[in-house]
Amino acid sequence: MEDVRFVLKVRKKGILILPKKLREKAGISEGDEVIVEVERDRLVMRVLKPRVVDVDPCFVEKLLREEYEHEKRKHERIFYGGEAGSRH
């Protein structure tokens, strides 16, 4: 894999223009977000690519239902003294 190296000039307000060849090599497209970090005396730039996760919608629904029931019981204890449906 060939190294791609450019000298970039920092413009007003800190703007850097990434040449097309550099963007293509790094896999950066218009609208992408990048993470830039300082490591010692270097700037390290990486494309922020969200991970796509395959999730079973039934599993998510089950988790949300359990969370709802948990919160419902918590509120019943707070507002009604512990027993569901028994109001004082």
PDB file of N, CA and C in Angstrom:
ATOM      1  N   MET A   1       0.850  -1.179   0.000  1.00  0.00           N
ATOM      2  CA  MET A   1       0.000   0.000   0.000  1.00  0.00           C
ATOM      3  C   MET A   1       0.893   1.239   0.000  1.00  0.00           C
ATOM      4  N   GLU A   2       0.687   2.125  -0.958  1.00  0.00           N
ATOM      5  CA  GLU A   2       1.513   3.319  -1.057  1.00  0.00           C
ATOM      6  C   GLU A   2       1.107   4.346  -0.016  1.00  0.00           C
ATOM      7  N   ASP A   3       2.105   5.028   0.543  1.00  0.00           N
ATOM      8  CA  ASP A   3       1.824   6.104   1.493  1.00  0.00           C
ATOM      9  C   ASP A   3       1.328   7.316   0.730  1.00  0.00           C
ATOM     10  N   VAL A   4       0.389   7.998   1.300  1.00  0.00           N
ATOM     11  CA  VAL A   4      -0.105   9.234   0.718  1.00  0.00           C
ATOM     12  C   VAL A   4       0.267  10.327   1.718  1.00  0.00           C
ATOM     13  N   ARG A   5       0.986  11.317   1.253  1.00  0.00           N
ATOM     14  CA  ARG A   5       1.456  12.375   2.137  1.00  0.00           C
ATOM     15  C   ARG A   5       1.274  13.725   1.463  1.00  0.00           C
ATOM     16  N   PHE A   6       0.718  14.667   2.186  1.00  0.00           N
ATOM     17  CA  PHE A   6       0.492  16.011   1.679  1.00  0.00           C
ATOM     18  C   PHE A   6       0.941  17.010   2.726  1.00  0.00           C
ATOM     19  N   VAL A   7       1.317  18.178   2.281  1.00  0.00           N
ATOM     20  CA  VAL A   7       1.532  19.306   3.174  1.00  0.00           C
ATOM     21  C   VAL A   7       0.300  20.182   3.031  1.00  0.00           C
ATOM     22  N   LEU A   8      -0.399  20.375   4.143  1.00  0.00           N
ATOM     23  CA  LEU A   8      -1.625  21.166   4.134  1.00  0.00           C
ATOM     24  C   LEU A   8      -1.382  22.484   4.847  1.00  0.00           C
ATOM     25  N   LYS A   9      -1.995  23.523   4.356  1.00  0.00           N
ATOM     26  CA  LYS A   9      -1.876  24.837   4.973  1.00  0.00           C
ATOM     27  C   LYS A   9      -3.111  25.097   5.819  1.00  0.00           C
ATOM     28  N   VAL A  10      -2.882  25.523   7.038  1.00  0.00           N
ATOM     29  CA  VAL A  10      -3.992  25.876   7.920  1.00  0.00           C
ATOM     30  C   VAL A  10      -4.474  27.263   7.517  1.00  0.00           C
ATOM     31  N   ARG A  11      -5.743  27.347   7.179  1.00  0.00           N
ATOM     32  CA  ARG A  11      -6.323  28.607   6.713  1.00  0.00           C
ATOM     33  C   ARG A  11      -7.025  29.324   7.860  1.00  0.00           C
ATOM     34  N   LYS A  12      -7.672  30.431   7.519  1.00  0.00           N
ATOM     35  CA  LYS A  12      -8.391  31.199   8.540  1.00  0.00           C
ATOM     36  C   LYS A  12      -9.319  30.292   9.334  1.00  0.00           C
ATOM     37  N   LYS A  13      -9.419  30.590  10.607  1.00  0.00           N
ATOM     38  CA  LYS A  13     -10.289  29.854  11.529  1.00  0.00           C
ATOM     39  C   LYS A  13      -9.904  28.382  11.634  1.00  0.00           C
ATOM     40  N   GLY A  14      -8.658  28.030  11.285  1.00  0.00           N
ATOM     41  CA  GLY A  14      -8.169  26.655  11.448  1.00  0.00           C
ATOM     42  C   GLY A  14      -8.643  25.677  10.407  1.00  0.00           C
ATOM     43  N   ILE A  15      -9.123  26.162   9.286  1.00  0.00           N
ATOM     44  CA  ILE A  15      -9.674  25.284   8.248  1.00  0.00           C
ATOM     45  C   ILE A  15      -8.545  24.579   7.495  1.00  0.00           C
ATOM     46  N   LEU A  16      -8.689  23.264   7.357  1.00  0.00           N
ATOM     47  CA  LEU A  16      -7.800  22.446   6.537  1.00  0.00           C
ATOM     48  C   LEU A  16      -8.615  21.883   5.388  1.00  0.00           C
ATOM     49  N   ILE A  17      -8.056  21.894   4.204  1.00  0.00           N
ATOM     50  CA  ILE A  17      -8.724  21.276   3.063  1.00  0.00           C
ATOM     51  C   ILE A  17      -8.001  19.966   2.772  1.00  0.00           C
ATOM     52  N   LEU A  18      -8.768  18.872   2.824  1.00  0.00           N
ATOM     53  CA  LEU A  18      -8.193  17.557   2.548  1.00  0.00           C
ATOM     54  C   LEU A  18      -8.313  17.273   1.057  1.00  0.00           C
ATOM     55  N   PRO A  19      -7.181  17.073   0.380  1.00  0.00           N
ATOM     56  CA  PRO A  19      -7.228  16.781  -1.050  1.00  0.00           C
ATOM     57  C   PRO A  19      -8.014  15.492  -1.341  1.00  0.00           C
ATOM     58  N   LYS A  20      -8.594  15.441  -2.531  1.00  0.00           N
ATOM     59  CA  LYS A  20      -9.438  14.309  -2.936  1.00  0.00           C
ATOM     60  C   LYS A  20      -8.720  12.981  -2.787  1.00  0.00           C
ATOM     61  N   LYS A  21      -7.468  12.892  -3.222  1.00  0.00           N
ATOM     62  CA  LYS A  21      -6.725  11.631  -3.140  1.00  0.00           C
ATOM     63  C   LYS A  21      -6.573  11.178  -1.688  1.00  0.00           C
ATOM     64  N   LEU A  22      -6.343  12.110  -0.789  1.00  0.00           N
ATOM     65  CA  LEU A  22      -6.219  11.793   0.629  1.00  0.00           C
ATOM     66  C   LEU A  22      -7.550  11.308   1.190  1.00  0.00           C
ATOM     67  N   ARG A  23      -8.646  11.994   0.842  1.00  0.00           N
ATOM     68  CA  ARG A  23      -9.980  11.577   1.308  1.00  0.00           C
ATOM     69  C   ARG A  23     -10.321  10.187   0.803  1.00  0.00           C
ATOM     70  N   GLU A  24     -10.029   9.928  -0.478  1.00  0.00           N
ATOM     71  CA  GLU A  24     -10.326   8.611  -1.048  1.00  0.00           C
ATOM     72  C   GLU A  24      -9.523   7.528  -0.346  1.00  0.00           C
ATOM     73  N   LYS A  25      -8.253   7.779  -0.112  1.00  0.00           N
ATOM     74  CA  LYS A  25      -7.380   6.793   0.529  1.00  0.00           C
ATOM     75  C   LYS A  25      -7.843   6.492   1.957  1.00  0.00           C
ATOM     76  N   ALA A  26      -8.343   7.530   2.640  1.00  0.00           N
ATOM     77  CA  ALA A  26      -8.790   7.364   4.026  1.00  0.00           C
ATOM     78  C   ALA A  26     -10.245   6.907   4.130  1.00  0.00           C
ATOM     79  N   GLY A  27     -10.963   6.893   2.997  1.00  0.00           N
ATOM     80  CA  GLY A  27     -12.370   6.496   3.029  1.00  0.00           C
ATOM     81  C   GLY A  27     -13.271   7.567   3.609  1.00  0.00           C
ATOM     82  N   ILE A  28     -12.901   8.828   3.412  1.00  0.00           N
ATOM     83  CA  ILE A  28     -13.688   9.943   3.923  1.00  0.00           C
ATOM     84  C   ILE A  28     -14.573  10.472   2.805  1.00  0.00           C
ATOM     85  N   SER A  29     -15.872  10.554   3.083  1.00  0.00           N
ATOM     86  CA  SER A  29     -16.833  11.078   2.121  1.00  0.00           C
ATOM     87  C   SER A  29     -17.459  12.351   2.674  1.00  0.00           C
ATOM     88  N   GLU A  30     -18.055  13.133   1.784  1.00  0.00           N
ATOM     89  CA  GLU A  30     -18.736  14.351   2.213  1.00  0.00           C
ATOM     90  C   GLU A  30     -19.796  14.005   3.247  1.00  0.00           C
ATOM     91  N   GLY A  31     -19.818  14.765   4.327  1.00  0.00           N
ATOM     92  CA  GLY A  31     -20.794  14.542   5.387  1.00  0.00           C
ATOM     93  C   GLY A  31     -20.307  13.611   6.483  1.00  0.00           C
ATOM     94  N   ASP A  32     -19.189  12.893   6.246  1.00  0.00           N
ATOM     95  CA  ASP A  32     -18.641  12.018   7.284  1.00  0.00           C
ATOM     96  C   ASP A  32     -18.138  12.850   8.449  1.00  0.00           C
ATOM     97  N   GLU A  33     -18.105  12.238   9.612  1.00  0.00           N
ATOM     98  CA  GLU A  33     -17.493  12.873  10.774  1.00  0.00           C
ATOM     99  C   GLU A  33     -16.166  12.193  11.023  1.00  0.00           C
ATOM    100  N   VAL A  34     -15.205  12.946  11.548  1.00  0.00           N
ATOM    101  CA  VAL A  34     -13.890  12.388  11.855  1.00  0.00           C
ATOM    102  C   VAL A  34     -13.557  12.669  13.311  1.00  0.00           C
ATOM    103  N   ILE A  35     -12.752  11.802  13.871  1.00  0.00           N
ATOM    104  CA  ILE A  35     -12.233  11.985  15.222  1.00  0.00           C
ATOM    105  C   ILE A  35     -10.785  12.428  15.055  1.00  0.00           C
ATOM    106  N   VAL A  36     -10.420  13.511  15.713  1.00  0.00           N
ATOM    107  CA  VAL A  36      -9.044  13.993  15.668  1.00  0.00           C
ATOM    108  C   VAL A  36      -8.529  14.023  17.093  1.00  0.00           C
ATOM    109  N   GLU A  37      -7.389  13.364  17.299  1.00  0.00           N
ATOM    110  CA  GLU A  37      -6.779  13.300  18.618  1.00  0.00           C
ATOM    111  C   GLU A  37      -5.332  13.766  18.527  1.00  0.00           C
ATOM    112  N   VAL A  38      -4.822  14.275  19.628  1.00  0.00           N
ATOM    113  CA  VAL A  38      -3.413  14.643  19.714  1.00  0.00           C
ATOM    114  C   VAL A  38      -2.705  13.514  20.442  1.00  0.00           C
ATOM    115  N   GLU A  39      -1.720  12.923  19.781  1.00  0.00           N
ATOM    116  CA  GLU A  39      -0.873  11.894  20.382  1.00  0.00           C
ATOM    117  C   GLU A  39       0.558  12.419  20.337  1.00  0.00           C
ATOM    118  N   ARG A  40       1.030  12.826  21.499  1.00  0.00           N
ATOM    119  CA  ARG A  40       2.335  13.485  21.610  1.00  0.00           C
ATOM    120  C   ARG A  40       2.373  14.697  20.692  1.00  0.00           C
ATOM    121  N   ASP A  41       3.184  14.667  19.648  1.00  0.00           N
ATOM    122  CA  ASP A  41       3.294  15.819  18.750  1.00  0.00           C
ATOM    123  C   ASP A  41       2.602  15.575  17.419  1.00  0.00           C
ATOM    124  N   ARG A  42       1.652  14.649  17.383  1.00  0.00           N
ATOM    125  CA  ARG A  42       0.966  14.302  16.140  1.00  0.00           C
ATOM    126  C   ARG A  42      -0.535  14.486  16.271  1.00  0.00           C
ATOM    127  N   LEU A  43      -1.158  14.816  15.156  1.00  0.00           N
ATOM    128  CA  LEU A  43      -2.613  14.775  15.078  1.00  0.00           C
ATOM    129  C   LEU A  43      -2.979  13.471  14.400  1.00  0.00           C
ATOM    130  N   VAL A  44      -3.882  12.732  14.999  1.00  0.00           N
ATOM    131  CA  VAL A  44      -4.335  11.472  14.423  1.00  0.00           C
ATOM    132  C   VAL A  44      -5.809  11.644  14.073  1.00  0.00           C
ATOM    133  N   MET A  45      -6.143  11.418  12.817  1.00  0.00           N
ATOM    134  CA  MET A  45      -7.505  11.612  12.339  1.00  0.00           C
ATOM    135  C   MET A  45      -8.059  10.261  11.868  1.00  0.00           C
ATOM    136  N   ARG A  46      -9.262   9.944  12.341  1.00  0.00           N
ATOM    137  CA  ARG A  46      -9.925   8.707  11.921  1.00  0.00           C
ATOM    138  C   ARG A  46     -11.358   9.017  11.546  1.00  0.00           C
ATOM    139  N   VAL A  47     -11.844   8.284  10.575  1.00  0.00           N
ATOM    140  CA  VAL A  47     -13.245   8.437  10.178  1.00  0.00           C
ATOM    141  C   VAL A  47     -14.114   7.799  11.260  1.00  0.00           C
ATOM    142  N   LEU A  48     -15.152   8.503  11.664  1.00  0.00           N
ATOM    143  CA  LEU A  48     -16.094   7.977  12.651  1.00  0.00           C
ATOM    144  C   LEU A  48     -17.165   7.202  11.897  1.00  0.00           C
ATOM    145  N   LYS A  49     -17.082   5.908  11.965  1.00  0.00           N
ATOM    146  CA  LYS A  49     -18.061   5.037  11.305  1.00  0.00           C
ATOM    147  C   LYS A  49     -18.835   4.308  12.404  1.00  0.00           C
ATOM    148  N   PRO A  50     -20.109   4.661  12.585  1.00  0.00           N
ATOM    149  CA  PRO A  50     -20.898   3.970  13.604  1.00  0.00           C
ATOM    150  C   PRO A  50     -20.994   2.479  13.295  1.00  0.00           C
ATOM    151  N   ARG A  51     -20.956   1.702  14.336  1.00  0.00           N
ATOM    152  CA  ARG A  51     -21.104   0.258  14.164  1.00  0.00           C
ATOM    153  C   ARG A  51     -22.569  -0.074  13.936  1.00  0.00           C
ATOM    154  N   VAL A  52     -22.805  -0.915  12.977  1.00  0.00           N
ATOM    155  CA  VAL A  52     -24.164  -1.381  12.720  1.00  0.00           C
ATOM    156  C   VAL A  52     -24.308  -2.707  13.443  1.00  0.00           C
ATOM    157  N   VAL A  53     -25.295  -2.777  14.303  1.00  0.00           N
ATOM    158  CA  VAL A  53     -25.496  -3.967  15.115  1.00  0.00           C
ATOM    159  C   VAL A  53     -26.825  -4.598  14.741  1.00  0.00           C
ATOM    160  N   ASP A  54     -26.805  -5.892  14.531  1.00  0.00           N
ATOM    161  CA  ASP A  54     -28.029  -6.619  14.218  1.00  0.00           C
ATOM    162  C   ASP A  54     -28.696  -7.016  15.531  1.00  0.00           C
ATOM    163  N   VAL A  55     -29.846  -6.434  15.802  1.00  0.00           N
ATOM    164  CA  VAL A  55     -30.540  -6.670  17.056  1.00  0.00           C
ATOM    165  C   VAL A  55     -31.913  -7.250  16.763  1.00  0.00           C
ATOM    166  N   ASP A  56     -32.282  -8.244  17.539  1.00  0.00           N
ATOM    167  CA  ASP A  56     -33.596  -8.866  17.414  1.00  0.00           C
ATOM    168  C   ASP A  56     -34.641  -7.922  18.008  1.00  0.00           C
ATOM    169  N   PRO A  57     -35.577  -7.425  17.194  1.00  0.00           N
ATOM    170  CA  PRO A  57     -36.586  -6.486  17.713  1.00  0.00           C
ATOM    171  C   PRO A  57     -37.426  -7.069  18.845  1.00  0.00           C
ATOM    172  N   CYS A  58     -37.642  -8.365  18.842  1.00  0.00           N
ATOM    173  CA  CYS A  58     -38.408  -8.997  19.923  1.00  0.00           C
ATOM    174  C   CYS A  58     -37.645  -8.912  21.244  1.00  0.00           C
ATOM    175  N   PHE A  59     -36.316  -9.065  21.169  1.00  0.00           N
ATOM    176  CA  PHE A  59     -35.481  -8.967  22.356  1.00  0.00           C
ATOM    177  C   PHE A  59     -35.523  -7.545  22.914  1.00  0.00           C
ATOM    178  N   VAL A  60     -35.450  -6.558  22.036  1.00  0.00           N
ATOM    179  CA  VAL A  60     -35.501  -5.156  22.462  1.00  0.00           C
ATOM    180  C   VAL A  60     -36.851  -4.867  23.110  1.00  0.00           C
ATOM    181  N   GLU A  61     -37.927  -5.353  22.498  1.00  0.00           N
ATOM    182  CA  GLU A  61     -39.260  -5.150  23.058  1.00  0.00           C
ATOM    183  C   GLU A  61     -39.375  -5.774  24.446  1.00  0.00           C
ATOM    184  N   LYS A  62     -38.811  -6.964  24.616  1.00  0.00           N
ATOM    185  CA  LYS A  62     -38.828  -7.647  25.915  1.00  0.00           C
ATOM    186  C   LYS A  62     -38.076  -6.820  26.961  1.00  0.00           C
ATOM    187  N   LEU A  63     -36.894  -6.309  26.584  1.00  0.00           N
ATOM    188  CA  LEU A  63     -36.121  -5.490  27.518  1.00  0.00           C
ATOM    189  C   LEU A  63     -36.872  -4.219  27.907  1.00  0.00           C
ATOM    190  N   LEU A  64     -37.487  -3.570  26.925  1.00  0.00           N
ATOM    191  CA  LEU A  64     -38.249  -2.361  27.210  1.00  0.00           C
ATOM    192  C   LEU A  64     -39.454  -2.647  28.103  1.00  0.00           C
ATOM    193  N   ARG A  65     -40.124  -3.768  27.864  1.00  0.00           N
ATOM    194  CA  ARG A  65     -41.271  -4.154  28.695  1.00  0.00           C
ATOM    195  C   ARG A  65     -40.825  -4.399  30.138  1.00  0.00           C
ATOM    196  N   GLU A  66     -39.689  -5.103  30.296  1.00  0.00           N
ATOM    197  CA  GLU A  66     -39.167  -5.365  31.640  1.00  0.00           C
ATOM    198  C   GLU A  66     -38.794  -4.055  32.337  1.00  0.00           C
ATOM    199  N   GLU A  67     -38.168  -3.144  31.608  1.00  0.00           N
ATOM    200  CA  GLU A  67     -37.796  -1.846  32.173  1.00  0.00           C
ATOM    201  C   GLU A  67     -39.040  -1.061  32.580  1.00  0.00           C
ATOM    202  N   TYR A  68     -40.076  -1.098  31.746  1.00  0.00           N
ATOM    203  CA  TYR A  68     -41.326  -0.417  32.058  1.00  0.00           C
ATOM    204  C   TYR A  68     -41.934  -0.989  33.344  1.00  0.00           C
ATOM    205  N   GLU A  69     -41.983  -2.308  33.448  1.00  0.00           N
ATOM    206  CA  GLU A  69     -42.559  -2.942  34.641  1.00  0.00           C
ATOM    207  C   GLU A  69     -41.756  -2.602  35.884  1.00  0.00           C
ATOM    208  N   HIS A  70     -40.453  -2.578  35.760  1.00  0.00           N
ATOM    209  CA  HIS A  70     -39.584  -2.228  36.882  1.00  0.00           C
ATOM    210  C   HIS A  70     -39.877  -0.793  37.342  1.00  0.00           C
ATOM    211  N   GLU A  71     -39.946   0.147  36.404  1.00  0.00           N
ATOM    212  CA  GLU A  71     -40.228   1.542  36.741  1.00  0.00           C
ATOM    213  C   GLU A  71     -41.630   1.687  37.337  1.00  0.00           C
ATOM    214  N   LYS A  72     -42.586   0.948  36.807  1.00  0.00           N
ATOM    215  CA  LYS A  72     -43.960   0.994  37.315  1.00  0.00           C
ATOM    216  C   LYS A  72     -44.003   0.547  38.780  1.00  0.00           C
ATOM    217  N   ARG A  73     -43.309  -0.563  39.083  1.00  0.00           N
ATOM    218  CA  ARG A  73     -43.274  -1.050  40.468  1.00  0.00           C
ATOM    219  C   ARG A  73     -42.584  -0.037  41.385  1.00  0.00           C
ATOM    220  N   LYS A  74     -41.519   0.584  40.899  1.00  0.00           N
ATOM    221  CA  LYS A  74     -40.799   1.581  41.691  1.00  0.00           C
ATOM    222  C   LYS A  74     -41.717   2.760  42.014  1.00  0.00           C
ATOM    223  N   HIS A  75     -42.454   3.240  41.021  1.00  0.00           N
ATOM    224  CA  HIS A  75     -43.375   4.355  41.259  1.00  0.00           C
ATOM    225  C   HIS A  75     -44.510   3.964  42.204  1.00  0.00           C
ATOM    226  N   GLU A  76     -44.989   2.747  42.084  1.00  0.00           N
ATOM    227  CA  GLU A  76     -46.045   2.291  42.991  1.00  0.00           C
ATOM    228  C   GLU A  76     -45.544   2.271  44.429  1.00  0.00           C
ATOM    229  N   ARG A  77     -44.298   1.825  44.633  1.00  0.00           N
ATOM    230  CA  ARG A  77     -43.739   1.820  45.993  1.00  0.00           C
ATOM    231  C   ARG A  77     -43.603   3.246  46.527  1.00  0.00           C
ATOM    232  N   ILE A  78     -43.192   4.157  45.666  1.00  0.00           N
ATOM    233  CA  ILE A  78     -42.995   5.545  46.091  1.00  0.00           C
ATOM    234  C   ILE A  78     -44.324   6.223  46.391  1.00  0.00           C
ATOM    235  N   PHE A  79     -45.288   6.096  45.489  1.00  0.00           N
ATOM    236  CA  PHE A  79     -46.535   6.850  45.620  1.00  0.00           C
ATOM    237  C   PHE A  79     -47.621   6.147  46.423  1.00  0.00           C
ATOM    238  N   TYR A  80     -47.598   4.822  46.447  1.00  0.00           N
ATOM    239  CA  TYR A  80     -48.687   4.102  47.102  1.00  0.00           C
ATOM    240  C   TYR A  80     -48.207   3.232  48.246  1.00  0.00           C
ATOM    241  N   GLY A  81     -46.992   3.409  48.682  1.00  0.00           N
ATOM    242  CA  GLY A  81     -46.503   2.685  49.837  1.00  0.00           C
ATOM    243  C   GLY A  81     -46.198   1.213  49.603  1.00  0.00           C
ATOM    244  N   GLY A  82     -46.008   0.812  48.374  1.00  0.00           N
ATOM    245  CA  GLY A  82     -45.523  -0.541  48.131  1.00  0.00           C
ATOM    246  C   GLY A  82     -46.486  -1.480  47.456  1.00  0.00           C
ATOM    247  N   GLU A  83     -47.734  -1.420  47.777  1.00  0.00           N
ATOM    248  CA  GLU A  83     -48.694  -2.362  47.190  1.00  0.00           C
ATOM    249  C   GLU A  83     -49.315  -1.791  45.930  1.00  0.00           C
ATOM    250  N   ALA A  84     -49.234  -2.549  44.848  1.00  0.00           N
ATOM    251  CA  ALA A  84     -49.820  -2.099  43.586  1.00  0.00           C
ATOM    252  C   ALA A  84     -51.320  -1.936  43.760  1.00  0.00           C
ATOM    253  N   GLY A  85     -51.804  -0.784  43.407  1.00  0.00           N
ATOM    254  CA  GLY A  85     -53.246  -0.566  43.413  1.00  0.00           C
ATOM    255  C   GLY A  85     -53.839  -0.220  44.770  1.00  0.00           C
ATOM    256  N   SER A  86     -53.068  -0.329  45.870  1.00  0.00           N
ATOM    257  CA  SER A  86     -53.633   0.011  47.187  1.00  0.00           C
ATOM    258  C   SER A  86     -53.236   1.439  47.511  1.00  0.00           C
ATOM    259  N   ARG A  87     -54.209   2.329  47.470  1.00  0.00           N
ATOM    260  CA  ARG A  87     -53.948   3.751  47.737  1.00  0.00           C
ATOM    261  C   ARG A  87     -54.360   4.076  49.156  1.00  0.00           C
ATOM    262  N   HIS A  88     -53.561   4.920  49.764  1.00  0.00           N
ATOM    263  CA  HIS A  88     -53.861   5.328  51.141  1.00  0.00           C
ATOM    264  C   HIS A  88     -54.547   6.635  51.193  1.00  0.00           C
TER     265      HIS A  88
END
